[in-house]
Amino acid sequence: MKMIVHDLSEEEFLSLGHNPSKEIMIISDNGKIHNCIGCYGCWIKTPGICVMKDGYQNMGALLSKCDELTIISKCIYGSYSPFIRNIWDRSMSYLLPYFVTKKGETHHRNRYAHQFSLSVHFYGDDITEAEMATARKLVVANSKNFYSIGNMVYFHKDLQAVGEALN
């Protein structure tokens, strides 16, 4: 399954010219997402599922079925928009609370024997070189932490360029 997570309005997303299909899961902001409160309920109380029932509680399980994850986010100081950051936080249930050391780095263990490819499309008309460098490092770190099989990072000045890259 391919998954697209974006921070665009429905109108903006449709303007990308992307044709939604049943084979592609689209995750967008419905205005009801709660912030992760760091309660670790998704690890302890309801393993694999967030305790907050707002429609985004199964992000970890959804990632376990995803072969290709595409993120479209406004670049804010070299990071994701608040909605996309929240989606990453709410996806912690994809991982286990236990640690493993890989190449001298400490990471959480993977809950699922699954991997996905990760591509991130940042947009913004004033992204600096320093922000791009920070964003690249962030995506690499997310890729390692979530056991993706690789990552690609793209920067676009506007949504039209994002649409051209996706189609």
Protein backbone atom coordinates (compact mmCIF):
# COMPACT_ATOMS: atom_id res chain seq x y z
CA MET A 1 0.00 0.00 0.00
CA LYS A 2 1.15 3.51 -0.78
CA MET A 3 0.44 6.24 1.77
CA ILE A 4 0.54 9.99 1.31
CA VAL A 5 0.58 12.18 4.40
CA HIS A 6 0.16 15.87 3.71
CA ASP A 7 -0.58 19.16 5.42
CA LEU A 8 -2.51 20.71 2.54
CA SER A 9 -6.13 21.71 2.40
CA GLU A 10 -8.32 19.41 0.34
CA GLU A 11 -8.42 22.04 -2.42
CA GLU A 12 -4.64 22.39 -2.44
CA PHE A 13 -4.16 18.62 -2.54
CA LEU A 14 -6.57 18.24 -5.44
CA SER A 15 -4.74 21.03 -7.27
CA LEU A 16 -1.65 18.80 -7.34
CA GLY A 17 -3.40 16.77 -10.02
CA HIS A 18 -3.01 13.60 -8.05
CA ASN A 19 -5.72 11.07 -8.71
CA PRO A 20 -6.81 9.43 -5.47
CA SER A 21 -7.36 5.71 -5.68
CA LYS A 22 -8.30 2.95 -3.29
CA GLU A 23 -4.72 1.68 -3.48
CA ILE A 24 -3.37 4.91 -2.00
CA MET A 25 -4.17 5.91 1.55
CA ILE A 26 -4.30 9.65 2.05
CA ILE A 27 -3.74 11.04 5.54
CA SER A 28 -4.61 14.70 5.93
CA ASP A 29 -5.56 17.11 8.65
CA ASN A 30 -9.24 16.80 9.51
CA GLY A 31 -8.82 19.30 12.33
CA LYS A 32 -9.36 16.67 15.02
CA ILE A 33 -5.86 15.32 15.59
CA HIS A 34 -4.64 15.50 19.16
CA ASN A 35 -1.02 16.04 20.10
CA CYS A 36 0.88 13.06 21.44
CA ILE A 37 0.97 13.54 25.19
CA GLY A 38 3.88 11.15 25.77
CA CYS A 39 1.82 8.82 27.98
CA TYR A 40 3.33 5.70 26.33
CA GLY A 41 -0.16 4.18 26.27
CA CYS A 42 0.54 2.99 22.73
CA TRP A 43 3.37 0.90 24.18
CA ILE A 44 1.92 -0.17 27.54
CA LYS A 45 -1.88 0.18 27.83
CA THR A 46 -2.96 -0.63 24.27
CA PRO A 47 0.16 -1.94 22.52
CA GLY A 48 0.32 -0.70 18.96
CA ILE A 49 -2.64 1.67 19.24
CA CYS A 50 -2.72 5.19 20.62
CA VAL A 51 -5.10 5.68 23.53
CA MET A 52 -6.49 8.90 22.01
CA LYS A 53 -9.34 8.01 19.67
CA ASP A 54 -9.38 10.82 17.14
CA GLY A 55 -9.04 8.92 13.88
CA TYR A 56 -5.23 8.90 14.00
CA GLN A 57 -4.81 6.24 16.70
CA ASN A 58 -3.75 3.50 14.25
CA MET A 59 -0.84 5.28 12.57
CA GLY A 60 1.66 2.59 13.62
CA ALA A 61 -0.50 -0.21 12.23
CA LEU A 62 -1.04 1.74 9.02
CA LEU A 63 2.71 2.21 8.59
CA SER A 64 3.12 -1.56 9.00
CA LYS A 65 1.01 -2.02 5.85
CA CYS A 66 2.68 0.77 3.92
CA ASP A 67 5.31 -0.01 1.29
CA GLU A 68 5.82 3.57 0.16
CA LEU A 69 5.34 6.61 2.37
CA THR A 70 5.22 10.04 0.75
CA ILE A 71 5.11 13.12 2.94
CA ILE A 72 4.21 16.57 1.67
CA SER A 73 5.01 19.26 4.21
CA LYS A 74 5.67 22.92 4.42
CA CYS A 75 9.29 23.36 5.49
CA ILE A 76 9.38 25.25 8.76
CA TYR A 77 12.87 26.03 10.03
CA GLY A 78 14.16 22.82 8.47
CA SER A 79 11.42 20.66 9.91
CA TYR A 80 7.91 19.49 9.21
CA SER A 81 4.71 21.43 9.66
CA PRO A 82 2.99 20.89 13.02
CA PHE A 83 0.48 18.42 11.53
CA ILE A 84 3.18 16.25 9.95
CA ARG A 85 5.27 16.38 13.15
CA ASN A 86 2.19 15.26 15.02
CA ILE A 87 1.69 12.34 12.63
CA TRP A 88 5.27 11.19 13.26
CA ASP A 89 4.72 11.47 17.01
CA ARG A 90 1.45 9.56 16.80
CA SER A 91 3.24 6.82 14.84
CA MET A 92 5.39 5.81 17.81
CA SER A 93 3.29 2.66 18.14
CA TYR A 94 5.09 1.43 15.00
CA LEU A 95 8.03 0.89 17.33
CA LEU A 96 8.53 -1.01 20.57
CA PRO A 97 9.64 0.63 23.83
CA TYR A 98 12.77 -1.56 23.92
CA PHE A 99 16.10 -0.32 22.63
CA VAL A 100 18.69 -1.70 20.28
CA THR A 101 22.11 -0.33 19.43
CA LYS A 102 22.88 -0.10 15.71
CA LYS A 103 26.17 1.29 14.46
CA GLY A 104 26.76 2.95 17.82
CA GLU A 105 23.34 4.61 17.90
CA THR A 106 20.43 3.77 20.19
CA HIS A 107 17.06 3.20 18.52
CA HIS A 108 13.74 1.69 19.48
CA ARG A 109 13.11 -1.85 18.31
CA ASN A 110 10.78 -2.36 15.40
CA ARG A 111 7.33 -3.73 16.31
CA TYR A 112 6.66 -5.04 12.83
CA ALA A 113 8.85 -7.06 10.49
CA HIS A 114 8.17 -4.52 7.82
CA GLN A 115 9.92 -1.69 6.01
CA PHE A 116 8.76 1.09 3.74
CA SER A 117 10.42 3.58 1.45
CA LEU A 118 10.22 7.21 2.51
CA SER A 119 10.08 10.28 0.33
CA VAL A 120 9.54 13.76 1.69
CA HIS A 121 8.52 16.76 -0.39
CA PHE A 122 9.10 20.01 1.45
CA TYR A 123 7.61 23.15 -0.03
CA GLY A 124 8.08 26.83 0.65
CA ASP A 125 9.26 29.85 -1.30
CA ASP A 126 11.90 30.91 1.19
CA ILE A 127 13.66 27.72 2.27
CA THR A 128 17.29 28.52 3.08
CA GLU A 129 20.29 26.27 2.50
CA ALA A 130 20.62 25.84 6.27
CA GLU A 131 16.97 24.75 6.52
CA MET A 132 17.51 22.28 3.67
CA ALA A 133 20.53 20.81 5.44
CA THR A 134 18.58 20.49 8.69
CA ALA A 135 15.60 18.92 6.90
CA ARG A 136 17.82 16.36 5.16
CA LYS A 137 19.34 15.33 8.50
CA LEU A 138 15.87 15.10 10.05
CA VAL A 139 14.56 12.83 7.30
CA VAL A 140 17.63 10.59 7.57
CA ALA A 141 17.03 10.33 11.34
CA ASN A 142 13.32 9.55 10.83
CA SER A 143 14.27 6.97 8.22
CA LYS A 144 16.65 5.24 10.63
CA ASN A 145 14.26 5.40 13.57
CA PHE A 146 11.34 3.98 11.60
CA TYR A 147 13.42 1.37 9.75
CA SER A 148 12.62 2.65 6.29
CA ILE A 149 14.52 1.09 3.40
CA GLY A 150 15.70 4.43 2.13
CA ASN A 151 14.74 8.03 1.88
CA MET A 152 14.50 10.80 -0.65
CA VAL A 153 14.15 14.49 0.15
CA TYR A 154 12.87 17.09 -2.29
CA PHE A 155 12.46 20.84 -1.97
CA HIS A 156 9.93 22.81 -3.99
CA LYS A 157 9.23 26.52 -4.21
CA ASP A 158 5.48 26.01 -4.65
CA LEU A 159 2.73 23.42 -4.76
CA GLN A 160 2.74 23.33 -8.55
CA ALA A 161 6.29 21.99 -8.41
CA VAL A 162 5.20 19.39 -5.83
CA GLY A 163 2.43 18.27 -8.18
CA GLU A 164 4.84 17.99 -11.10
CA ALA A 165 7.20 15.88 -9.02
CA LEU A 166 4.46 13.52 -7.87
CA ASN A 167 2.88 12.96 -11.28
